[in-house]
Amino acid sequence: MLILRLRLVPFMDLAGLPALQEMVRKPQSRGVRMMLSEKNYRVRALSSAGAA
């Protein structure tokens, strides 16, 4: 399991969302579980809308 801690990420725009999605997708394709932790409300809203 990989945990990506986003505590120090103050915001994410639409250009950053595809990069985050790809960063999650690649390990998952190899059977590695990935968890995003400590997302602030701005990053959480964007990532849930984009299914990251």
C-alpha atoms as a PDB file:
ATOM      1  CA  MET A   1       0.000   0.000   0.000  1.00  0.00           C
ATOM      2  CA  LEU A   2       1.209   3.482  -0.896  1.00  0.00           C
ATOM      3  CA  ILE A   3      -0.140   6.488   0.986  1.00  0.00           C
ATOM      4  CA  LEU A   4       0.067   9.861  -0.701  1.00  0.00           C
ATOM      5  CA  ARG A   5      -0.131  12.540   1.981  1.00  0.00           C
ATOM      6  CA  LEU A   6      -1.596  15.775   0.626  1.00  0.00           C
ATOM      7  CA  ARG A   7      -1.450  17.860   3.800  1.00  0.00           C
ATOM      8  CA  LEU A   8       0.857  20.466   2.266  1.00  0.00           C
ATOM      9  CA  VAL A   9      -1.076  20.737  -1.029  1.00  0.00           C
ATOM     10  CA  PRO A  10      -3.125  23.940  -0.602  1.00  0.00           C
ATOM     11  CA  PHE A  11      -5.086  23.588  -3.844  1.00  0.00           C
ATOM     12  CA  MET A  12      -5.157  21.724  -7.132  1.00  0.00           C
ATOM     13  CA  ASP A  13      -6.333  23.060 -10.474  1.00  0.00           C
ATOM     14  CA  LEU A  14      -7.776  21.145 -13.390  1.00  0.00           C
ATOM     15  CA  ALA A  15      -4.313  20.775 -14.924  1.00  0.00           C
ATOM     16  CA  GLY A  16      -3.055  18.925 -11.830  1.00  0.00           C
ATOM     17  CA  LEU A  17      -5.984  16.536 -11.568  1.00  0.00           C
ATOM     18  CA  PRO A  18      -5.025  14.325 -14.574  1.00  0.00           C
ATOM     19  CA  ALA A  19      -1.485  14.034 -13.184  1.00  0.00           C
ATOM     20  CA  LEU A  20      -2.867  12.917  -9.821  1.00  0.00           C
ATOM     21  CA  GLN A  21      -5.212  10.437 -11.499  1.00  0.00           C
ATOM     22  CA  GLU A  22      -2.346   8.941 -13.506  1.00  0.00           C
ATOM     23  CA  MET A  23      -0.169   8.750 -10.385  1.00  0.00           C
ATOM     24  CA  VAL A  24      -2.927   6.697  -8.717  1.00  0.00           C
ATOM     25  CA  ARG A  25      -3.774   4.581 -11.780  1.00  0.00           C
ATOM     26  CA  LYS A  26      -0.264   3.281 -12.535  1.00  0.00           C
ATOM     27  CA  PRO A  27       0.371   1.539  -9.181  1.00  0.00           C
ATOM     28  CA  GLN A  28      -3.214   0.226  -9.127  1.00  0.00           C
ATOM     29  CA  SER A  29      -2.685  -1.416 -12.515  1.00  0.00           C
ATOM     30  CA  ARG A  30       0.138  -3.419 -10.882  1.00  0.00           C
ATOM     31  CA  GLY A  31      -2.020  -4.428  -7.916  1.00  0.00           C
ATOM     32  CA  VAL A  32      -0.682  -1.826  -5.497  1.00  0.00           C
ATOM     33  CA  ARG A  33      -3.308  -0.166  -3.323  1.00  0.00           C
ATOM     34  CA  MET A  34      -3.065   3.607  -3.052  1.00  0.00           C
ATOM     35  CA  MET A  35      -4.620   5.948  -0.509  1.00  0.00           C
ATOM     36  CA  LEU A  36      -4.821   9.728  -0.592  1.00  0.00           C
ATOM     37  CA  SER A  37      -4.699  11.153   2.916  1.00  0.00           C
ATOM     38  CA  GLU A  38      -5.010  14.556   4.569  1.00  0.00           C
ATOM     39  CA  LYS A  39      -6.680  16.251   1.597  1.00  0.00           C
ATOM     40  CA  ASN A  40      -7.919  19.733   2.428  1.00  0.00           C
ATOM     41  CA  TYR A  41     -11.448  20.709   1.434  1.00  0.00           C
ATOM     42  CA  ARG A  42     -10.391  22.279  -1.906  1.00  0.00           C
ATOM     43  CA  VAL A  43      -8.389  19.269  -3.062  1.00  0.00           C
ATOM     44  CA  ARG A  44     -11.038  16.869  -1.703  1.00  0.00           C
ATOM     45  CA  ALA A  45     -13.841  18.586  -3.684  1.00  0.00           C
ATOM     46  CA  LEU A  46     -11.849  18.547  -6.927  1.00  0.00           C
ATOM     47  CA  SER A  47     -10.562  15.001  -6.543  1.00  0.00           C
ATOM     48  CA  SER A  48     -13.994  13.584  -5.711  1.00  0.00           C
ATOM     49  CA  ALA A  49     -15.463  15.370  -8.742  1.00  0.00           C
ATOM     50  CA  GLY A  50     -12.689  13.877 -10.889  1.00  0.00           C
ATOM     51  CA  ALA A  51     -12.722  10.473  -9.171  1.00  0.00           C
ATOM     52  CA  ALA A  52      -9.120  10.658  -8.003  1.00  0.00           C
END
